[in-house]
Amino acid sequence: MTAKWKKSPPALIATFDSAIEADARLERRQMFGYPCAFLDGKMLTGLFEDKMMMRLSEADRARAAAALGATPFEPIKGRPMREYVVLPPAVVADTRKLRAWLRRAVAYVESLPARKPKKPRRG
């Protein structure tokens, strides 16, 4: 039996859209029916149900966990996505804090190596 995922609340989607609009380099796409933001083809933040997750460096993940209570992002129980944490609702609701963490996510994703182009499939 597969779990049915809930849609993100409209207010959360509006908060997400407002936060990513601050950086014109971010591309908004849908992933599994949820809004996400990409930079140079690499995902850096997104929504999942009623949560917002961000891709952060190891140091920032530790800082977010200690200072904010951020938790690893697990779309499926027991299967965390490496490098992603769920931001607490109080941080998401605070525009200044949210944008500060988004800048950290952007800086981290900018530091990652360029994605290799996919090889064409044979057949």
N, C-alpha and C. Protein backbone atom coordinates (compact mmCIF):
# COMPACT_ATOMS: atom_id res chain seq x y z
N MET A 1 0.84 -1.18 0.00
CA MET A 1 0.00 0.00 0.00
C MET A 1 0.89 1.25 0.00
N THR A 2 0.60 2.17 -0.90
CA THR A 2 1.38 3.40 -0.98
C THR A 2 0.69 4.51 -0.22
N ALA A 3 1.51 5.31 0.45
CA ALA A 3 0.96 6.44 1.19
C ALA A 3 0.55 7.54 0.22
N LYS A 4 -0.54 8.18 0.52
CA LYS A 4 -1.00 9.29 -0.31
C LYS A 4 -0.46 10.58 0.30
N TRP A 5 0.29 11.32 -0.51
CA TRP A 5 0.86 12.56 -0.03
C TRP A 5 -0.17 13.68 -0.10
N LYS A 6 -0.12 14.56 0.91
CA LYS A 6 -1.03 15.71 0.97
C LYS A 6 -0.48 16.84 0.12
N LYS A 7 -1.39 17.65 -0.41
CA LYS A 7 -0.97 18.83 -1.15
C LYS A 7 -0.45 19.88 -0.17
N SER A 8 0.46 20.71 -0.65
CA SER A 8 0.96 21.81 0.18
C SER A 8 -0.13 22.87 0.32
N PRO A 9 -0.26 23.48 1.50
CA PRO A 9 -1.25 24.53 1.69
C PRO A 9 -0.93 25.74 0.80
N PRO A 10 -1.97 26.40 0.26
CA PRO A 10 -1.75 27.56 -0.61
C PRO A 10 -0.90 28.65 0.05
N ALA A 11 -1.05 28.88 1.33
CA ALA A 11 -0.25 29.92 2.01
C ALA A 11 1.23 29.55 2.01
N LEU A 12 1.54 28.28 2.17
CA LEU A 12 2.93 27.84 2.14
C LEU A 12 3.51 27.99 0.73
N ILE A 13 2.72 27.67 -0.27
CA ILE A 13 3.17 27.84 -1.66
C ILE A 13 3.44 29.31 -1.94
N ALA A 14 2.58 30.20 -1.46
CA ALA A 14 2.79 31.64 -1.64
C ALA A 14 4.07 32.10 -0.94
N THR A 15 4.33 31.59 0.26
CA THR A 15 5.56 31.93 0.99
C THR A 15 6.78 31.45 0.21
N PHE A 16 6.71 30.23 -0.29
CA PHE A 16 7.80 29.65 -1.08
C PHE A 16 8.07 30.51 -2.32
N ASP A 17 7.02 30.81 -3.07
CA ASP A 17 7.17 31.60 -4.29
C ASP A 17 7.78 32.97 -4.00
N SER A 18 7.32 33.61 -2.95
CA SER A 18 7.84 34.92 -2.57
C SER A 18 9.33 34.84 -2.22
N ALA A 19 9.72 33.80 -1.51
CA ALA A 19 11.12 33.65 -1.10
C ALA A 19 12.03 33.43 -2.31
N ILE A 20 11.63 32.58 -3.25
CA ILE A 20 12.53 32.28 -4.37
C ILE A 20 12.53 33.39 -5.41
N GLU A 21 11.48 34.21 -5.44
CA GLU A 21 11.45 35.32 -6.40
C GLU A 21 12.55 36.34 -6.13
N ALA A 22 13.09 36.35 -4.93
CA ALA A 22 14.16 37.29 -4.57
C ALA A 22 15.45 37.03 -5.35
N ASP A 23 15.60 35.85 -5.93
CA ASP A 23 16.80 35.50 -6.70
C ASP A 23 16.37 35.05 -8.10
N ALA A 24 16.60 35.91 -9.09
CA ALA A 24 16.16 35.65 -10.46
C ALA A 24 16.85 34.43 -11.09
N ARG A 25 17.96 33.97 -10.50
CA ARG A 25 18.65 32.80 -11.05
C ARG A 25 17.94 31.49 -10.73
N LEU A 26 17.03 31.52 -9.78
CA LEU A 26 16.34 30.29 -9.38
C LEU A 26 15.23 29.97 -10.35
N GLU A 27 15.16 28.69 -10.70
CA GLU A 27 14.12 28.21 -11.61
C GLU A 27 13.12 27.39 -10.82
N ARG A 28 11.85 27.77 -10.91
CA ARG A 28 10.79 27.05 -10.19
C ARG A 28 10.30 25.92 -11.09
N ARG A 29 10.28 24.72 -10.53
CA ARG A 29 9.75 23.54 -11.23
C ARG A 29 8.90 22.75 -10.25
N GLN A 30 8.16 21.81 -10.79
CA GLN A 30 7.39 20.87 -9.96
C GLN A 30 8.19 19.58 -9.84
N MET A 31 8.20 19.00 -8.66
CA MET A 31 8.84 17.71 -8.44
C MET A 31 7.87 16.88 -7.60
N PHE A 32 7.41 15.78 -8.15
CA PHE A 32 6.42 14.93 -7.48
C PHE A 32 5.17 15.73 -7.09
N GLY A 33 4.84 16.73 -7.91
CA GLY A 33 3.64 17.53 -7.66
C GLY A 33 3.84 18.70 -6.71
N TYR A 34 5.07 18.91 -6.24
CA TYR A 34 5.37 19.98 -5.29
C TYR A 34 6.29 21.01 -5.93
N PRO A 35 6.14 22.30 -5.55
CA PRO A 35 7.05 23.30 -6.08
C PRO A 35 8.46 23.14 -5.50
N CYS A 36 9.45 23.28 -6.38
CA CYS A 36 10.85 23.22 -5.98
C CYS A 36 11.60 24.32 -6.73
N ALA A 37 12.79 24.65 -6.25
CA ALA A 37 13.62 25.64 -6.93
C ALA A 37 14.97 25.01 -7.25
N PHE A 38 15.44 25.31 -8.45
CA PHE A 38 16.70 24.77 -8.96
C PHE A 38 17.64 25.92 -9.32
N LEU A 39 18.92 25.66 -9.20
CA LEU A 39 19.96 26.60 -9.60
C LEU A 39 20.93 25.81 -10.46
N ASP A 40 21.11 26.23 -11.70
CA ASP A 40 21.99 25.53 -12.64
C ASP A 40 21.67 24.04 -12.72
N GLY A 41 20.39 23.71 -12.70
CA GLY A 41 19.95 22.33 -12.83
C GLY A 41 20.00 21.51 -11.56
N LYS A 42 20.40 22.13 -10.44
CA LYS A 42 20.50 21.40 -9.17
C LYS A 42 19.43 21.92 -8.20
N MET A 43 18.67 20.98 -7.62
CA MET A 43 17.62 21.37 -6.68
C MET A 43 18.25 21.91 -5.40
N LEU A 44 17.65 23.01 -4.88
CA LEU A 44 18.17 23.55 -3.63
C LEU A 44 17.10 23.73 -2.57
N THR A 45 15.85 23.79 -2.95
CA THR A 45 14.78 23.91 -1.96
C THR A 45 13.47 23.46 -2.57
N GLY A 46 12.52 23.15 -1.72
CA GLY A 46 11.22 22.75 -2.22
C GLY A 46 10.25 22.50 -1.09
N LEU A 47 9.03 22.25 -1.49
CA LEU A 47 7.98 21.91 -0.54
C LEU A 47 7.68 20.43 -0.63
N PHE A 48 7.22 19.89 0.48
CA PHE A 48 6.72 18.52 0.54
C PHE A 48 5.63 18.52 1.59
N GLU A 49 4.41 18.27 1.16
CA GLU A 49 3.24 18.34 2.02
C GLU A 49 3.22 19.72 2.69
N ASP A 50 3.28 19.77 4.03
CA ASP A 50 3.22 21.07 4.71
C ASP A 50 4.59 21.50 5.23
N LYS A 51 5.65 21.02 4.56
CA LYS A 51 7.02 21.30 5.00
C LYS A 51 7.82 21.96 3.88
N MET A 52 8.83 22.74 4.29
CA MET A 52 9.78 23.30 3.34
C MET A 52 11.15 22.74 3.67
N MET A 53 11.82 22.22 2.64
CA MET A 53 13.14 21.65 2.85
C MET A 53 14.16 22.44 2.05
N MET A 54 15.42 22.39 2.53
CA MET A 54 16.52 23.07 1.86
C MET A 54 17.75 22.21 1.85
N ARG A 55 18.53 22.39 0.79
CA ARG A 55 19.80 21.69 0.64
C ARG A 55 20.89 22.59 1.22
N LEU A 56 21.57 22.09 2.22
CA LEU A 56 22.57 22.89 2.92
C LEU A 56 23.88 22.13 3.06
N SER A 57 24.95 22.88 3.27
CA SER A 57 26.25 22.26 3.54
C SER A 57 26.17 21.48 4.85
N GLU A 58 27.14 20.62 5.08
CA GLU A 58 27.15 19.85 6.32
C GLU A 58 27.17 20.77 7.54
N ALA A 59 28.00 21.82 7.48
CA ALA A 59 28.09 22.77 8.60
C ALA A 59 26.77 23.49 8.83
N ASP A 60 26.12 23.91 7.75
CA ASP A 60 24.83 24.60 7.89
C ASP A 60 23.72 23.66 8.34
N ARG A 61 23.78 22.40 7.92
CA ARG A 61 22.78 21.43 8.41
C ARG A 61 22.92 21.27 9.92
N ALA A 62 24.16 21.17 10.40
CA ALA A 62 24.40 21.05 11.84
C ALA A 62 23.94 22.31 12.56
N ARG A 63 24.24 23.47 11.99
CA ARG A 63 23.84 24.75 12.59
C ARG A 63 22.31 24.86 12.63
N ALA A 64 21.65 24.48 11.54
CA ALA A 64 20.19 24.56 11.49
C ALA A 64 19.55 23.60 12.50
N ALA A 65 20.14 22.43 12.67
CA ALA A 65 19.61 21.47 13.64
C ALA A 65 19.77 21.99 15.06
N ALA A 66 20.96 22.51 15.36
CA ALA A 66 21.25 22.97 16.72
C ALA A 66 20.50 24.26 17.06
N ALA A 67 20.49 25.21 16.14
CA ALA A 67 19.92 26.53 16.43
C ALA A 67 18.41 26.61 16.19
N LEU A 68 17.93 25.83 15.23
CA LEU A 68 16.52 25.97 14.83
C LEU A 68 15.67 24.75 15.13
N GLY A 69 16.32 23.61 15.30
CA GLY A 69 15.56 22.37 15.44
C GLY A 69 15.20 21.76 14.09
N ALA A 70 15.96 22.13 13.03
CA ALA A 70 15.73 21.54 11.71
C ALA A 70 15.99 20.04 11.78
N THR A 71 15.26 19.29 10.97
CA THR A 71 15.38 17.83 10.97
C THR A 71 15.71 17.34 9.56
N PRO A 72 16.32 16.16 9.44
CA PRO A 72 16.59 15.62 8.10
C PRO A 72 15.28 15.46 7.32
N PHE A 73 15.37 15.69 6.02
CA PHE A 73 14.20 15.56 5.16
C PHE A 73 14.05 14.09 4.75
N GLU A 74 12.92 13.50 5.12
CA GLU A 74 12.61 12.10 4.80
C GLU A 74 11.26 12.03 4.09
N PRO A 75 11.24 12.08 2.76
CA PRO A 75 9.95 11.98 2.08
C PRO A 75 9.30 10.62 2.31
N ILE A 76 10.12 9.61 2.51
CA ILE A 76 9.65 8.27 2.86
C ILE A 76 10.34 7.91 4.17
N LYS A 77 9.55 7.54 5.17
CA LYS A 77 10.08 7.24 6.51
C LYS A 77 11.27 6.29 6.42
N GLY A 78 12.37 6.69 7.07
CA GLY A 78 13.56 5.86 7.09
C GLY A 78 14.47 6.04 5.89
N ARG A 79 14.10 6.94 4.95
CA ARG A 79 14.91 7.14 3.75
C ARG A 79 15.19 8.63 3.57
N PRO A 80 16.09 9.18 4.39
CA PRO A 80 16.39 10.62 4.29
C PRO A 80 17.09 10.97 2.99
N MET A 81 16.82 12.18 2.52
CA MET A 81 17.54 12.70 1.36
C MET A 81 18.78 13.41 1.88
N ARG A 82 19.92 12.92 1.46
CA ARG A 82 21.20 13.49 1.86
C ARG A 82 21.22 14.98 1.57
N GLU A 83 21.78 15.75 2.45
CA GLU A 83 22.01 17.19 2.31
C GLU A 83 20.77 18.07 2.51
N TYR A 84 19.60 17.49 2.74
CA TYR A 84 18.38 18.29 2.87
C TYR A 84 17.84 18.24 4.30
N VAL A 85 17.38 19.40 4.77
CA VAL A 85 16.74 19.47 6.08
C VAL A 85 15.39 20.16 5.93
N VAL A 86 14.49 19.84 6.86
CA VAL A 86 13.19 20.50 6.94
C VAL A 86 13.33 21.68 7.90
N LEU A 87 12.98 22.86 7.41
CA LEU A 87 13.02 24.05 8.26
C LEU A 87 11.78 24.09 9.14
N PRO A 88 11.92 24.48 10.39
CA PRO A 88 10.76 24.60 11.27
C PRO A 88 9.79 25.67 10.75
N PRO A 89 8.49 25.50 11.01
CA PRO A 89 7.48 26.48 10.54
C PRO A 89 7.77 27.92 10.97
N ALA A 90 8.35 28.11 12.16
CA ALA A 90 8.63 29.48 12.62
C ALA A 90 9.67 30.16 11.73
N VAL A 91 10.62 29.41 11.20
CA VAL A 91 11.63 29.98 10.29
C VAL A 91 10.99 30.28 8.94
N VAL A 92 10.17 29.36 8.45
CA VAL A 92 9.50 29.55 7.17
C VAL A 92 8.60 30.78 7.21
N ALA A 93 7.96 31.03 8.33
CA ALA A 93 7.04 32.16 8.48
C ALA A 93 7.75 33.50 8.64
N ASP A 94 9.04 33.48 8.93
CA ASP A 94 9.82 34.70 9.13
C ASP A 94 10.60 35.01 7.85
N THR A 95 10.11 35.98 7.06
CA THR A 95 10.70 36.27 5.75
C THR A 95 12.20 36.51 5.83
N ARG A 96 12.64 37.28 6.80
CA ARG A 96 14.06 37.59 6.91
C ARG A 96 14.89 36.33 7.16
N LYS A 97 14.46 35.50 8.10
CA LYS A 97 15.18 34.26 8.41
C LYS A 97 15.14 33.29 7.22
N LEU A 98 13.97 33.16 6.61
CA LEU A 98 13.83 32.25 5.48
C LEU A 98 14.77 32.64 4.35
N ARG A 99 14.82 33.92 4.02
CA ARG A 99 15.69 34.36 2.93
C ARG A 99 17.16 34.19 3.30
N ALA A 100 17.51 34.35 4.58
CA ALA A 100 18.89 34.13 5.02
C ALA A 100 19.30 32.66 4.81
N TRP A 101 18.41 31.74 5.15
CA TRP A 101 18.71 30.32 4.95
C TRP A 101 18.70 29.98 3.47
N LEU A 102 17.86 30.62 2.71
CA LEU A 102 17.84 30.39 1.26
C LEU A 102 19.17 30.85 0.65
N ARG A 103 19.71 31.97 1.12
CA ARG A 103 21.03 32.42 0.63
C ARG A 103 22.12 31.39 0.95
N ARG A 104 22.03 30.75 2.12
CA ARG A 104 22.99 29.71 2.48
C ARG A 104 22.85 28.51 1.52
N ALA A 105 21.61 28.16 1.20
CA ALA A 105 21.36 27.05 0.28
C ALA A 105 21.92 27.38 -1.11
N VAL A 106 21.69 28.60 -1.57
CA VAL A 106 22.21 29.02 -2.87
C VAL A 106 23.74 28.95 -2.87
N ALA A 107 24.37 29.47 -1.82
CA ALA A 107 25.83 29.45 -1.73
C ALA A 107 26.36 28.02 -1.78
N TYR A 108 25.67 27.12 -1.08
CA TYR A 108 26.11 25.72 -1.09
C TYR A 108 25.97 25.11 -2.47
N VAL A 109 24.83 25.28 -3.09
CA VAL A 109 24.59 24.69 -4.41
C VAL A 109 25.56 25.30 -5.44
N GLU A 110 25.87 26.58 -5.31
CA GLU A 110 26.85 27.20 -6.22
C GLU A 110 28.23 26.56 -6.06
N SER A 111 28.55 26.04 -4.88
CA SER A 111 29.86 25.45 -4.62
C SER A 111 29.98 24.02 -5.17
N LEU A 112 28.87 23.43 -5.54
CA LEU A 112 28.89 22.04 -6.03
C LEU A 112 29.42 21.99 -7.46
N PRO A 113 30.04 20.87 -7.84
CA PRO A 113 30.54 20.75 -9.22
C PRO A 113 29.39 20.79 -10.21
N ALA A 114 29.70 21.24 -11.42
CA ALA A 114 28.68 21.29 -12.47
C ALA A 114 28.16 19.89 -12.75
N ARG A 115 26.90 19.83 -13.10
CA ARG A 115 26.30 18.53 -13.46
C ARG A 115 26.85 18.07 -14.79
N LYS A 116 27.12 16.79 -14.89
CA LYS A 116 27.59 16.22 -16.16
C LYS A 116 26.39 16.00 -17.07
N PRO A 117 26.53 16.32 -18.35
CA PRO A 117 25.40 16.09 -19.25
C PRO A 117 25.07 14.59 -19.33
N LYS A 118 23.80 14.30 -19.43
CA LYS A 118 23.38 12.90 -19.54
C LYS A 118 23.74 12.37 -20.90
N LYS A 119 24.17 11.11 -20.93
CA LYS A 119 24.50 10.46 -22.20
C LYS A 119 23.19 10.08 -22.88
N PRO A 120 23.15 10.22 -24.21
CA PRO A 120 21.93 9.81 -24.91
C PRO A 120 21.73 8.30 -24.78
N ARG A 121 20.49 7.92 -24.66
CA ARG A 121 20.16 6.49 -24.55
C ARG A 121 20.25 5.82 -25.92
N ARG A 122 20.74 4.60 -25.89
CA ARG A 122 20.78 3.81 -27.12
C ARG A 122 19.52 2.97 -27.22
N GLY A 123 19.13 2.74 -28.43
CA GLY A 123 18.02 1.81 -28.55
C GLY A 123 16.99 2.27 -29.39
